[in-house]
């Protein structure tokens, strides 16, 4: 089996590689050839596959997508994207990367022809939704994005569905909720505090909470995100039908419930490292985000996530902290 991963140097890409290495392949099949690409140099996994190709390239550049699919990868995980903040601050770069790059990839697949029909797993986002929101967003809720990033994802979901309908590929669009706890250093994303109020205290570092404890969101761990992608690659066209884009499950909780989970898992001293410092700018942004989802279709198709935020914290400690934290 030949697997291609775009955006392989990103956090989700690295977690997917960890999962494939742990499984020793994809859905019970050995990976004979692995191609990893990103705009920054991706790193090869240890022991997964002897034949690994690393590419530093931009899918939006003419000819790159054609070169990536010329060896006809069987499964393509398309993770590459400029996230929400970058897409809002640089309109042209967002559309170039998120829309043009995706269109280039789909067109390269189509033009390969000669019976080539790979499985394409596309990472979308709950940014496809726009207010006003019901208490729980159902599978058939209308897509009215309020950001450029959300617009990119809606367009690419539609393209994926049409190329799937026309028989050029077998597609699955995986809409991710808030992926928490993200390893590494804090970033400037408005949503970064969701991970920061867990990650920093566990590392012995004080951090600030910019929103009210009543703020609600749905979370899944990076481990669960990798599991979504692997499971998506196992689904058949008969199982999916024409509704190939769907929202993934997660744990819906308030920020206050996140902090209570941190206290249960790590103790009072760790939880006290979170300091309340309201930020009206971030609060206004967060208030416009959806918080709860009815993921009936994804669950019926076998997608699973954690069942409590305590579990999400324990996954972070196990996967990213070596099972230890600063008490």
C-alpha atoms as a PDB file:
ATOM      1  CA  UNK A   1       0.000   0.000   0.000  1.00  0.00           C
ATOM      2  CA  UNK A   2       1.194   3.517  -0.866  1.00  0.00           C
ATOM      3  CA  UNK A   3       0.089   6.288   1.528  1.00  0.00           C
ATOM      4  CA  UNK A   4       0.500  10.027   0.841  1.00  0.00           C
ATOM      5  CA  UNK A   5       0.140  12.552   3.678  1.00  0.00           C
ATOM      6  CA  UNK A   6       0.013  16.285   2.926  1.00  0.00           C
ATOM      7  CA  UNK A   7       0.629  18.610   5.856  1.00  0.00           C
ATOM      8  CA  UNK A   8       2.692  15.795   7.376  1.00  0.00           C
ATOM      9  CA  UNK A   9       4.818  18.148   9.507  1.00  0.00           C
ATOM     10  CA  UNK A  10       1.803  19.542  11.365  1.00  0.00           C
ATOM     11  CA  UNK A  11       0.556  18.318  14.721  1.00  0.00           C
ATOM     12  CA  UNK A  12      -2.248  16.160  13.297  1.00  0.00           C
ATOM     13  CA  UNK A  13       0.130  14.787  10.668  1.00  0.00           C
ATOM     14  CA  UNK A  14       2.659  13.769  13.312  1.00  0.00           C
ATOM     15  CA  UNK A  15      -0.034  12.149  15.442  1.00  0.00           C
ATOM     16  CA  UNK A  16      -1.315  10.244  12.398  1.00  0.00           C
ATOM     17  CA  UNK A  17       2.193   8.935  11.745  1.00  0.00           C
ATOM     18  CA  UNK A  18       2.438   7.858  15.393  1.00  0.00           C
ATOM     19  CA  UNK A  19      -0.816   5.936  15.006  1.00  0.00           C
ATOM     20  CA  UNK A  20       0.275   4.278  11.745  1.00  0.00           C
ATOM     21  CA  UNK A  21       3.579   3.306  13.352  1.00  0.00           C
ATOM     22  CA  UNK A  22       1.767   1.874  16.377  1.00  0.00           C
ATOM     23  CA  UNK A  23      -0.551  -0.125  14.120  1.00  0.00           C
ATOM     24  CA  UNK A  24       2.258  -1.206  11.836  1.00  0.00           C
ATOM     25  CA  UNK A  25       0.242  -0.122   8.798  1.00  0.00           C
ATOM     26  CA  UNK A  26      -3.225   1.063   7.857  1.00  0.00           C
ATOM     27  CA  UNK A  27      -6.338  -0.957   8.668  1.00  0.00           C
ATOM     28  CA  UNK A  28      -4.425  -4.236   8.773  1.00  0.00           C
ATOM     29  CA  UNK A  29      -2.447  -3.620   5.573  1.00  0.00           C
ATOM     30  CA  UNK A  30       1.277  -2.995   5.422  1.00  0.00           C
ATOM     31  CA  UNK A  31       2.453   0.361   4.076  1.00  0.00           C
ATOM     32  CA  UNK A  32       5.065  -0.412   1.449  1.00  0.00           C
ATOM     33  CA  UNK A  33       5.558   3.185   0.349  1.00  0.00           C
ATOM     34  CA  UNK A  34       5.015   6.385   2.315  1.00  0.00           C
ATOM     35  CA  UNK A  35       5.164   9.900   0.876  1.00  0.00           C
ATOM     36  CA  UNK A  36       5.198  12.835   3.292  1.00  0.00           C
ATOM     37  CA  UNK A  37       4.950  16.440   2.169  1.00  0.00           C
ATOM     38  CA  UNK A  38       4.587  19.871   3.758  1.00  0.00           C
ATOM     39  CA  UNK A  39       5.763  23.447   3.230  1.00  0.00           C
ATOM     40  CA  UNK A  40       8.346  22.756   5.982  1.00  0.00           C
ATOM     41  CA  UNK A  41      10.496  19.609   6.049  1.00  0.00           C
ATOM     42  CA  UNK A  42       8.523  16.642   7.435  1.00  0.00           C
ATOM     43  CA  UNK A  43      10.266  14.006   9.536  1.00  0.00           C
ATOM     44  CA  UNK A  44      10.245  10.313   8.669  1.00  0.00           C
ATOM     45  CA  UNK A  45       8.612   7.985  11.210  1.00  0.00           C
ATOM     46  CA  UNK A  46      10.676   5.299  12.854  1.00  0.00           C
ATOM     47  CA  UNK A  47      10.157   1.741  11.657  1.00  0.00           C
ATOM     48  CA  UNK A  48       6.892   2.208   9.756  1.00  0.00           C
ATOM     49  CA  UNK A  49       8.127   1.781   6.203  1.00  0.00           C
ATOM     50  CA  UNK A  50      11.494   1.409   4.559  1.00  0.00           C
ATOM     51  CA  UNK A  51      10.501   3.275   1.405  1.00  0.00           C
ATOM     52  CA  UNK A  52       9.777   6.826   2.623  1.00  0.00           C
ATOM     53  CA  UNK A  53       9.805   9.901   0.398  1.00  0.00           C
ATOM     54  CA  UNK A  54      10.025  13.334   2.056  1.00  0.00           C
ATOM     55  CA  UNK A  55       8.982  16.408   0.071  1.00  0.00           C
ATOM     56  CA  UNK A  56       9.132  20.059   1.062  1.00  0.00           C
ATOM     57  CA  UNK A  57       6.664  21.643  -1.334  1.00  0.00           C
ATOM     58  CA  UNK A  58       3.524  23.768  -1.674  1.00  0.00           C
ATOM     59  CA  UNK A  59       0.491  22.099  -3.254  1.00  0.00           C
ATOM     60  CA  UNK A  60      -0.598  25.447  -4.656  1.00  0.00           C
ATOM     61  CA  UNK A  61       2.532  25.548  -6.839  1.00  0.00           C
ATOM     62  CA  UNK A  62       1.817  24.253 -10.363  1.00  0.00           C
ATOM     63  CA  UNK A  63       3.115  20.754 -10.972  1.00  0.00           C
ATOM     64  CA  UNK A  64       3.587  19.767  -7.321  1.00  0.00           C
ATOM     65  CA  UNK A  65       0.307  17.837  -6.990  1.00  0.00           C
ATOM     66  CA  UNK A  66       0.904  15.993 -10.268  1.00  0.00           C
ATOM     67  CA  UNK A  67       4.331  14.926  -9.048  1.00  0.00           C
ATOM     68  CA  UNK A  68       2.929  13.706  -5.736  1.00  0.00           C
ATOM     69  CA  UNK A  69       0.296  11.455  -7.326  1.00  0.00           C
ATOM     70  CA  UNK A  70       2.324  10.191 -10.291  1.00  0.00           C
ATOM     71  CA  UNK A  71       3.143   6.995  -8.362  1.00  0.00           C
ATOM     72  CA  UNK A  72      -0.594   6.523  -7.717  1.00  0.00           C
ATOM     73  CA  UNK A  73      -0.861   6.455  -3.900  1.00  0.00           C
ATOM     74  CA  UNK A  74      -3.696   4.233  -2.695  1.00  0.00           C
ATOM     75  CA  UNK A  75      -4.685   6.433   0.274  1.00  0.00           C
ATOM     76  CA  UNK A  76      -4.205  10.201   0.535  1.00  0.00           C
ATOM     77  CA  UNK A  77      -4.600  12.024   3.848  1.00  0.00           C
ATOM     78  CA  UNK A  78      -4.991  15.673   2.864  1.00  0.00           C
ATOM     79  CA  UNK A  79      -4.207  17.649   6.026  1.00  0.00           C
ATOM     80  CA  UNK A  80      -2.363  20.665   4.581  1.00  0.00           C
ATOM     81  CA  UNK A  81      -3.971  24.047   5.332  1.00  0.00           C
ATOM     82  CA  UNK A  82      -3.411  27.553   6.616  1.00  0.00           C
ATOM     83  CA  UNK A  83      -5.536  27.692   9.786  1.00  0.00           C
ATOM     84  CA  UNK A  84      -8.174  30.205  10.740  1.00  0.00           C
ATOM     85  CA  UNK A  85      -5.986  33.018  12.073  1.00  0.00           C
ATOM     86  CA  UNK A  86      -3.648  32.964   9.092  1.00  0.00           C
ATOM     87  CA  UNK A  87      -6.539  32.807   6.640  1.00  0.00           C
ATOM     88  CA  UNK A  88      -8.157  35.881   8.178  1.00  0.00           C
ATOM     89  CA  UNK A  89      -4.986  37.973   8.293  1.00  0.00           C
ATOM     90  CA  UNK A  90      -3.824  37.058   4.773  1.00  0.00           C
ATOM     91  CA  UNK A  91      -6.810  36.625   2.455  1.00  0.00           C
ATOM     92  CA  UNK A  92      -4.805  35.696  -0.636  1.00  0.00           C
ATOM     93  CA  UNK A  93      -2.511  33.215   1.131  1.00  0.00           C
ATOM     94  CA  UNK A  94      -5.511  31.491   2.733  1.00  0.00           C
ATOM     95  CA  UNK A  95      -7.304  30.937  -0.549  1.00  0.00           C
ATOM     96  CA  UNK A  96      -4.083  29.966  -2.314  1.00  0.00           C
ATOM     97  CA  UNK A  97      -3.188  27.284   0.212  1.00  0.00           C
ATOM     98  CA  UNK A  98      -6.573  25.993   1.291  1.00  0.00           C
ATOM     99  CA  UNK A  99      -8.541  26.227  -1.956  1.00  0.00           C
ATOM    100  CA  UNK A 100      -5.989  26.243  -4.780  1.00  0.00           C
ATOM    101  CA  UNK A 101      -3.849  23.557  -3.136  1.00  0.00           C
ATOM    102  CA  UNK A 102      -6.830  21.280  -2.634  1.00  0.00           C
ATOM    103  CA  UNK A 103      -8.169  21.862  -6.137  1.00  0.00           C
ATOM    104  CA  UNK A 104      -4.725  21.114  -7.572  1.00  0.00           C
ATOM    105  CA  UNK A 105      -4.615  17.822  -5.706  1.00  0.00           C
ATOM    106  CA  UNK A 106      -8.086  16.759  -6.813  1.00  0.00           C
ATOM    107  CA  UNK A 107      -7.364  17.719 -10.409  1.00  0.00           C
ATOM    108  CA  UNK A 108      -4.076  15.822 -10.393  1.00  0.00           C
ATOM    109  CA  UNK A 109      -5.977  12.734  -9.249  1.00  0.00           C
ATOM    110  CA  UNK A 110      -8.634  13.170 -11.930  1.00  0.00           C
ATOM    111  CA  UNK A 111      -6.129  13.717 -14.717  1.00  0.00           C
ATOM    112  CA  UNK A 112      -4.091  10.654 -13.774  1.00  0.00           C
ATOM    113  CA  UNK A 113      -6.953   8.568 -15.168  1.00  0.00           C
ATOM    114  CA  UNK A 114      -6.438   4.990 -16.335  1.00  0.00           C
ATOM    115  CA  UNK A 115      -8.613   3.631 -13.528  1.00  0.00           C
ATOM    116  CA  UNK A 116      -6.827   5.524 -10.763  1.00  0.00           C
ATOM    117  CA  UNK A 117      -9.282   6.044  -7.883  1.00  0.00           C
ATOM    118  CA  UNK A 118      -7.588   6.623  -4.517  1.00  0.00           C
ATOM    119  CA  UNK A 119      -9.166   6.965  -1.099  1.00  0.00           C
ATOM    120  CA  UNK A 120      -8.914  10.647  -0.095  1.00  0.00           C
ATOM    121  CA  UNK A 121      -9.367  11.633   3.553  1.00  0.00           C
ATOM    122  CA  UNK A 122      -9.826  15.393   3.934  1.00  0.00           C
ATOM    123  CA  UNK A 123      -9.605  17.238   7.257  1.00  0.00           C
ATOM    124  CA  UNK A 124     -12.359  19.816   7.460  1.00  0.00           C
ATOM    125  CA  UNK A 125     -13.491  21.859  10.450  1.00  0.00           C
ATOM    126  CA  UNK A 126     -16.492  22.928  12.499  1.00  0.00           C
ATOM    127  CA  UNK A 127     -15.667  26.394  11.090  1.00  0.00           C
ATOM    128  CA  UNK A 128     -18.060  25.434   8.268  1.00  0.00           C
ATOM    129  CA  UNK A 129     -20.931  26.381  10.618  1.00  0.00           C
ATOM    130  CA  UNK A 130     -22.179  29.896  11.280  1.00  0.00           C
ATOM    131  CA  UNK A 131     -24.543  31.502  13.768  1.00  0.00           C
ATOM    132  CA  UNK A 132     -27.260  31.524  14.887  1.00  0.00           C
ATOM    133  CA  UNK A 133     -26.719  28.120  16.454  1.00  0.00           C
ATOM    134  CA  UNK A 134     -29.285  25.721  17.913  1.00  0.00           C
ATOM    135  CA  UNK A 135     -28.503  24.120  21.289  1.00  0.00           C
ATOM    136  CA  UNK A 136     -26.974  21.169  19.406  1.00  0.00           C
ATOM    137  CA  UNK A 137     -25.971  21.313  15.738  1.00  0.00           C
ATOM    138  CA  UNK A 138     -27.491  18.389  13.800  1.00  0.00           C
ATOM    139  CA  UNK A 139     -25.908  16.588  10.859  1.00  0.00           C
ATOM    140  CA  UNK A 140     -28.075  18.470   8.359  1.00  0.00           C
ATOM    141  CA  UNK A 141     -27.459  21.997   9.733  1.00  0.00           C
ATOM    142  CA  UNK A 142     -26.920  24.534   6.942  1.00  0.00           C
ATOM    143  CA  UNK A 143     -23.306  25.554   6.304  1.00  0.00           C
ATOM    144  CA  UNK A 144     -22.934  29.351   6.575  1.00  0.00           C
ATOM    145  CA  UNK A 145     -19.313  30.017   7.602  1.00  0.00           C
ATOM    146  CA  UNK A 146     -18.393  33.320   9.209  1.00  0.00           C
ATOM    147  CA  UNK A 147     -14.648  33.167   8.426  1.00  0.00           C
ATOM    148  CA  UNK A 148     -12.555  32.787   5.283  1.00  0.00           C
ATOM    149  CA  UNK A 149     -11.158  29.552   6.699  1.00  0.00           C
ATOM    150  CA  UNK A 150     -14.680  28.202   7.130  1.00  0.00           C
ATOM    151  CA  UNK A 151     -15.514  29.249   3.571  1.00  0.00           C
ATOM    152  CA  UNK A 152     -12.434  27.380   2.290  1.00  0.00           C
ATOM    153  CA  UNK A 153     -13.550  24.251   4.083  1.00  0.00           C
ATOM    154  CA  UNK A 154     -17.118  24.429   2.748  1.00  0.00           C
ATOM    155  CA  UNK A 155     -15.866  24.862  -0.809  1.00  0.00           C
ATOM    156  CA  UNK A 156     -13.396  21.996  -0.496  1.00  0.00           C
ATOM    157  CA  UNK A 157     -16.001  19.703   1.081  1.00  0.00           C
ATOM    158  CA  UNK A 158     -18.231  20.413  -1.904  1.00  0.00           C
ATOM    159  CA  UNK A 159     -15.414  19.737  -4.358  1.00  0.00           C
ATOM    160  CA  UNK A 160     -14.544  16.488  -2.593  1.00  0.00           C
ATOM    161  CA  UNK A 161     -18.172  15.360  -2.732  1.00  0.00           C
ATOM    162  CA  UNK A 162     -18.445  16.177  -6.441  1.00  0.00           C
ATOM    163  CA  UNK A 163     -15.204  14.420  -7.403  1.00  0.00           C
ATOM    164  CA  UNK A 164     -16.436  11.493  -5.318  1.00  0.00           C
ATOM    165  CA  UNK A 165     -19.803  11.533  -7.098  1.00  0.00           C
ATOM    166  CA  UNK A 166     -18.124  11.593 -10.494  1.00  0.00           C
ATOM    167  CA  UNK A 167     -16.050   8.531  -9.584  1.00  0.00           C
ATOM    168  CA  UNK A 168     -12.617  10.167  -9.645  1.00  0.00           C
ATOM    169  CA  UNK A 169     -11.875   9.182  -6.047  1.00  0.00           C
ATOM    170  CA  UNK A 170     -13.372   7.747  -2.851  1.00  0.00           C
ATOM    171  CA  UNK A 171     -13.625  10.685  -0.457  1.00  0.00           C
ATOM    172  CA  UNK A 172     -14.343  11.209   3.225  1.00  0.00           C
ATOM    173  CA  UNK A 173     -14.484  14.680   4.794  1.00  0.00           C
ATOM    174  CA  UNK A 174     -13.664  14.655   8.510  1.00  0.00           C
ATOM    175  CA  UNK A 175     -14.840  17.801  10.354  1.00  0.00           C
ATOM    176  CA  UNK A 176     -12.707  18.149  13.460  1.00  0.00           C
ATOM    177  CA  UNK A 177     -13.950  19.771  16.653  1.00  0.00           C
ATOM    178  CA  UNK A 178     -11.520  21.419  19.099  1.00  0.00           C
ATOM    179  CA  UNK A 179      -8.398  19.246  19.244  1.00  0.00           C
ATOM    180  CA  UNK A 180      -7.174  19.417  22.832  1.00  0.00           C
ATOM    181  CA  UNK A 181      -4.600  19.142  24.416  1.00  0.00           C
ATOM    182  CA  UNK A 182      -2.213  20.295  21.672  1.00  0.00           C
ATOM    183  CA  UNK A 183       1.438  19.618  22.544  1.00  0.00           C
ATOM    184  CA  UNK A 184       4.193  22.183  22.084  1.00  0.00           C
ATOM    185  CA  UNK A 185       4.383  25.875  22.845  1.00  0.00           C
ATOM    186  CA  UNK A 186       1.483  28.343  23.082  1.00  0.00           C
ATOM    187  CA  UNK A 187       0.427  30.016  19.839  1.00  0.00           C
ATOM    188  CA  UNK A 188      -1.583  33.109  18.934  1.00  0.00           C
ATOM    189  CA  UNK A 189      -4.757  31.255  17.963  1.00  0.00           C
ATOM    190  CA  UNK A 190      -7.838  32.549  19.771  1.00  0.00           C
ATOM    191  CA  UNK A 191      -8.669  28.964  20.739  1.00  0.00           C
ATOM    192  CA  UNK A 192      -5.181  28.300  22.108  1.00  0.00           C
ATOM    193  CA  UNK A 193      -6.274  28.777  25.711  1.00  0.00           C
ATOM    194  CA  UNK A 194      -8.309  25.549  25.604  1.00  0.00           C
ATOM    195  CA  UNK A 195      -5.033  23.623  25.461  1.00  0.00           C
ATOM    196  CA  UNK A 196      -3.015  26.199  27.389  1.00  0.00           C
ATOM    197  CA  UNK A 197      -5.065  25.931  30.583  1.00  0.00           C
ATOM    198  CA  UNK A 198      -4.187  22.229  30.699  1.00  0.00           C
ATOM    199  CA  UNK A 199      -0.769  21.969  29.012  1.00  0.00           C
ATOM    200  CA  UNK A 200       1.043  24.763  30.882  1.00  0.00           C
ATOM    201  CA  UNK A 201      -0.131  23.867  34.420  1.00  0.00           C
ATOM    202  CA  UNK A 202       0.903  20.236  33.861  1.00  0.00           C
ATOM    203  CA  UNK A 203       4.357  21.541  32.852  1.00  0.00           C
ATOM    204  CA  UNK A 204       4.631  23.610  36.045  1.00  0.00           C
ATOM    205  CA  UNK A 205       3.907  26.927  34.291  1.00  0.00           C
ATOM    206  CA  UNK A 206       1.291  29.495  35.264  1.00  0.00           C
ATOM    207  CA  UNK A 207      -1.130  30.501  32.513  1.00  0.00           C
ATOM    208  CA  UNK A 208      -4.093  32.811  32.025  1.00  0.00           C
ATOM    209  CA  UNK A 209      -7.722  32.085  31.260  1.00  0.00           C
ATOM    210  CA  UNK A 210      -9.100  34.867  29.022  1.00  0.00           C
ATOM    211  CA  UNK A 211     -12.776  33.806  29.017  1.00  0.00           C
ATOM    212  CA  UNK A 212     -15.517  32.997  31.510  1.00  0.00           C
ATOM    213  CA  UNK A 213     -15.686  29.487  32.945  1.00  0.00           C
ATOM    214  CA  UNK A 214     -19.156  29.151  31.410  1.00  0.00           C
ATOM    215  CA  UNK A 215     -17.738  29.088  27.854  1.00  0.00           C
ATOM    216  CA  UNK A 216     -18.548  25.736  26.246  1.00  0.00           C
ATOM    217  CA  UNK A 217     -16.823  23.778  23.505  1.00  0.00           C
ATOM    218  CA  UNK A 218     -16.500  20.225  22.185  1.00  0.00           C
ATOM    219  CA  UNK A 219     -13.081  18.591  22.424  1.00  0.00           C
ATOM    220  CA  UNK A 220     -11.269  15.486  21.242  1.00  0.00           C
ATOM    221  CA  UNK A 221      -7.639  14.559  21.794  1.00  0.00           C
ATOM    222  CA  UNK A 222      -4.950  14.495  19.088  1.00  0.00           C
ATOM    223  CA  UNK A 223      -4.959  10.722  19.558  1.00  0.00           C
ATOM    224  CA  UNK A 224      -8.676  10.649  18.760  1.00  0.00           C
ATOM    225  CA  UNK A 225      -8.119  12.879  15.703  1.00  0.00           C
ATOM    226  CA  UNK A 226      -5.613  10.377  14.319  1.00  0.00           C
ATOM    227  CA  UNK A 227      -8.133   7.634  15.029  1.00  0.00           C
ATOM    228  CA  UNK A 228     -10.802   9.501  13.054  1.00  0.00           C
ATOM    229  CA  UNK A 229      -8.518   9.614  10.011  1.00  0.00           C
ATOM    230  CA  UNK A 230      -7.564   5.956  10.209  1.00  0.00           C
ATOM    231  CA  UNK A 231     -11.189   4.890  10.627  1.00  0.00           C
ATOM    232  CA  UNK A 232     -12.287   7.112   7.736  1.00  0.00           C
ATOM    233  CA  UNK A 233      -9.850   5.249   5.492  1.00  0.00           C
ATOM    234  CA  UNK A 234     -11.623   1.976   6.330  1.00  0.00           C
ATOM    235  CA  UNK A 235     -15.115   3.070   5.260  1.00  0.00           C
ATOM    236  CA  UNK A 236     -16.559   1.840   1.978  1.00  0.00           C
ATOM    237  CA  UNK A 237     -18.569   3.856  -0.568  1.00  0.00           C
ATOM    238  CA  UNK A 238     -21.569   1.660   0.251  1.00  0.00           C
ATOM    239  CA  UNK A 239     -21.390   2.698   3.905  1.00  0.00           C
ATOM    240  CA  UNK A 240     -20.985   6.385   3.117  1.00  0.00           C
ATOM    241  CA  UNK A 241     -23.352   6.965   0.221  1.00  0.00           C
ATOM    242  CA  UNK A 242     -23.228  10.551  -1.061  1.00  0.00           C
ATOM    243  CA  UNK A 243     -23.032  12.208   2.387  1.00  0.00           C
ATOM    244  CA  UNK A 244     -19.291  11.890   2.738  1.00  0.00           C
ATOM    245  CA  UNK A 245     -18.609  14.967   4.924  1.00  0.00           C
ATOM    246  CA  UNK A 246     -19.464  14.731   8.608  1.00  0.00           C
ATOM    247  CA  UNK A 247     -18.688  16.187  12.032  1.00  0.00           C
ATOM    248  CA  UNK A 248     -16.640  14.077  14.417  1.00  0.00           C
ATOM    249  CA  UNK A 249     -17.717  13.328  17.998  1.00  0.00           C
ATOM    250  CA  UNK A 250     -16.079  14.696  21.122  1.00  0.00           C
ATOM    251  CA  UNK A 251     -16.565  15.719  24.747  1.00  0.00           C
ATOM    252  CA  UNK A 252     -18.760  18.789  25.232  1.00  0.00           C
ATOM    253  CA  UNK A 253     -17.915  20.693  28.417  1.00  0.00           C
ATOM    254  CA  UNK A 254     -17.485  24.163  29.886  1.00  0.00           C
ATOM    255  CA  UNK A 255     -14.120  25.701  30.661  1.00  0.00           C
ATOM    256  CA  UNK A 256     -15.025  25.326  34.326  1.00  0.00           C
ATOM    257  CA  UNK A 257     -15.523  21.599  33.789  1.00  0.00           C
ATOM    258  CA  UNK A 258     -12.132  21.452  32.069  1.00  0.00           C
ATOM    259  CA  UNK A 259     -10.550  22.973  35.163  1.00  0.00           C
ATOM    260  CA  UNK A 260     -12.402  20.585  37.477  1.00  0.00           C
ATOM    261  CA  UNK A 261     -11.115  17.681  35.372  1.00  0.00           C
ATOM    262  CA  UNK A 262      -7.576  19.072  35.694  1.00  0.00           C
ATOM    263  CA  UNK A 263      -8.023  19.248  39.457  1.00  0.00           C
ATOM    264  CA  UNK A 264      -9.263  15.645  39.621  1.00  0.00           C
ATOM    265  CA  UNK A 265      -6.456  14.294  37.460  1.00  0.00           C
ATOM    266  CA  UNK A 266      -3.500  16.405  38.641  1.00  0.00           C
ATOM    267  CA  UNK A 267      -4.487  17.956  41.967  1.00  0.00           C
ATOM    268  CA  UNK A 268      -5.239  21.391  43.408  1.00  0.00           C
ATOM    269  CA  UNK A 269      -1.689  22.752  43.100  1.00  0.00           C
ATOM    270  CA  UNK A 270      -1.665  22.185  39.351  1.00  0.00           C
ATOM    271  CA  UNK A 271      -5.153  23.659  38.860  1.00  0.00           C
ATOM    272  CA  UNK A 272      -4.178  26.803  40.805  1.00  0.00           C
ATOM    273  CA  UNK A 273      -1.621  27.641  38.104  1.00  0.00           C
ATOM    274  CA  UNK A 274      -4.528  28.866  35.942  1.00  0.00           C
ATOM    275  CA  UNK A 275      -5.128  32.578  36.589  1.00  0.00           C
ATOM    276  CA  UNK A 276      -8.267  34.386  35.444  1.00  0.00           C
ATOM    277  CA  UNK A 277      -7.461  37.328  33.193  1.00  0.00           C
ATOM    278  CA  UNK A 278     -10.467  38.299  31.040  1.00  0.00           C
ATOM    279  CA  UNK A 279      -9.724  39.342  27.467  1.00  0.00           C
ATOM    280  CA  UNK A 280     -12.783  40.976  25.801  1.00  0.00           C
ATOM    281  CA  UNK A 281     -11.304  40.494  22.321  1.00  0.00           C
ATOM    282  CA  UNK A 282     -10.925  36.728  22.695  1.00  0.00           C
ATOM    283  CA  UNK A 283     -14.235  36.442  24.511  1.00  0.00           C
ATOM    284  CA  UNK A 284     -16.042  38.109  21.602  1.00  0.00           C
ATOM    285  CA  UNK A 285     -14.462  35.719  19.110  1.00  0.00           C
ATOM    286  CA  UNK A 286     -15.271  32.631  21.162  1.00  0.00           C
ATOM    287  CA  UNK A 287     -18.900  33.646  21.651  1.00  0.00           C
ATOM    288  CA  UNK A 288     -19.391  33.295  17.882  1.00  0.00           C
ATOM    289  CA  UNK A 289     -18.287  29.662  17.781  1.00  0.00           C
ATOM    290  CA  UNK A 290     -20.569  26.592  17.860  1.00  0.00           C
ATOM    291  CA  UNK A 291     -20.219  24.476  20.969  1.00  0.00           C
ATOM    292  CA  UNK A 292     -22.284  21.272  20.834  1.00  0.00           C
ATOM    293  CA  UNK A 293     -22.869  18.804  17.993  1.00  0.00           C
ATOM    294  CA  UNK A 294     -25.214  15.906  17.356  1.00  0.00           C
ATOM    295  CA  UNK A 295     -22.786  13.547  15.611  1.00  0.00           C
ATOM    296  CA  UNK A 296     -25.285  10.753  15.041  1.00  0.00           C
ATOM    297  CA  UNK A 297     -24.059   9.873  11.562  1.00  0.00           C
ATOM    298  CA  UNK A 298     -20.377   9.728  12.539  1.00  0.00           C
ATOM    299  CA  UNK A 299     -21.130   7.590  15.582  1.00  0.00           C
ATOM    300  CA  UNK A 300     -23.290   5.220  13.535  1.00  0.00           C
ATOM    301  CA  UNK A 301     -20.375   4.810  11.134  1.00  0.00           C
ATOM    302  CA  UNK A 302     -18.087   3.834  14.010  1.00  0.00           C
ATOM    303  CA  UNK A 303     -16.159   7.025  14.806  1.00  0.00           C
ATOM    304  CA  UNK A 304     -15.288   7.242  18.501  1.00  0.00           C
ATOM    305  CA  UNK A 305     -13.654   9.778  20.809  1.00  0.00           C
ATOM    306  CA  UNK A 306     -13.035  10.168  24.519  1.00  0.00           C
ATOM    307  CA  UNK A 307     -16.030  10.085  26.842  1.00  0.00           C
ATOM    308  CA  UNK A 308     -14.778  12.578  29.471  1.00  0.00           C
ATOM    309  CA  UNK A 309     -12.361  15.494  29.664  1.00  0.00           C
ATOM    310  CA  UNK A 310     -10.496  13.610  32.397  1.00  0.00           C
ATOM    311  CA  UNK A 311      -9.669  11.036  29.737  1.00  0.00           C
ATOM    312  CA  UNK A 312      -8.453  13.743  27.335  1.00  0.00           C
ATOM    313  CA  UNK A 313      -6.051  15.051  30.004  1.00  0.00           C
ATOM    314  CA  UNK A 314      -4.753  11.550  30.717  1.00  0.00           C
ATOM    315  CA  UNK A 315      -4.148  11.004  26.994  1.00  0.00           C
ATOM    316  CA  UNK A 316      -2.012  14.172  26.923  1.00  0.00           C
ATOM    317  CA  UNK A 317      -0.017  13.045  29.956  1.00  0.00           C
ATOM    318  CA  UNK A 318       0.560   9.616  28.457  1.00  0.00           C
ATOM    319  CA  UNK A 319       1.263  10.620  24.850  1.00  0.00           C
ATOM    320  CA  UNK A 320       3.129  13.906  25.270  1.00  0.00           C
ATOM    321  CA  UNK A 321       4.527  14.021  28.817  1.00  0.00           C
ATOM    322  CA  UNK A 322       5.832  10.483  29.146  1.00  0.00           C
ATOM    323  CA  UNK A 323       3.263   9.715  31.824  1.00  0.00           C
ATOM    324  CA  UNK A 324       4.566  12.436  34.176  1.00  0.00           C
ATOM    325  CA  UNK A 325       3.697  16.017  35.046  1.00  0.00           C
ATOM    326  CA  UNK A 326       4.915  18.740  37.426  1.00  0.00           C
ATOM    327  CA  UNK A 327       2.905  18.528  40.648  1.00  0.00           C
END
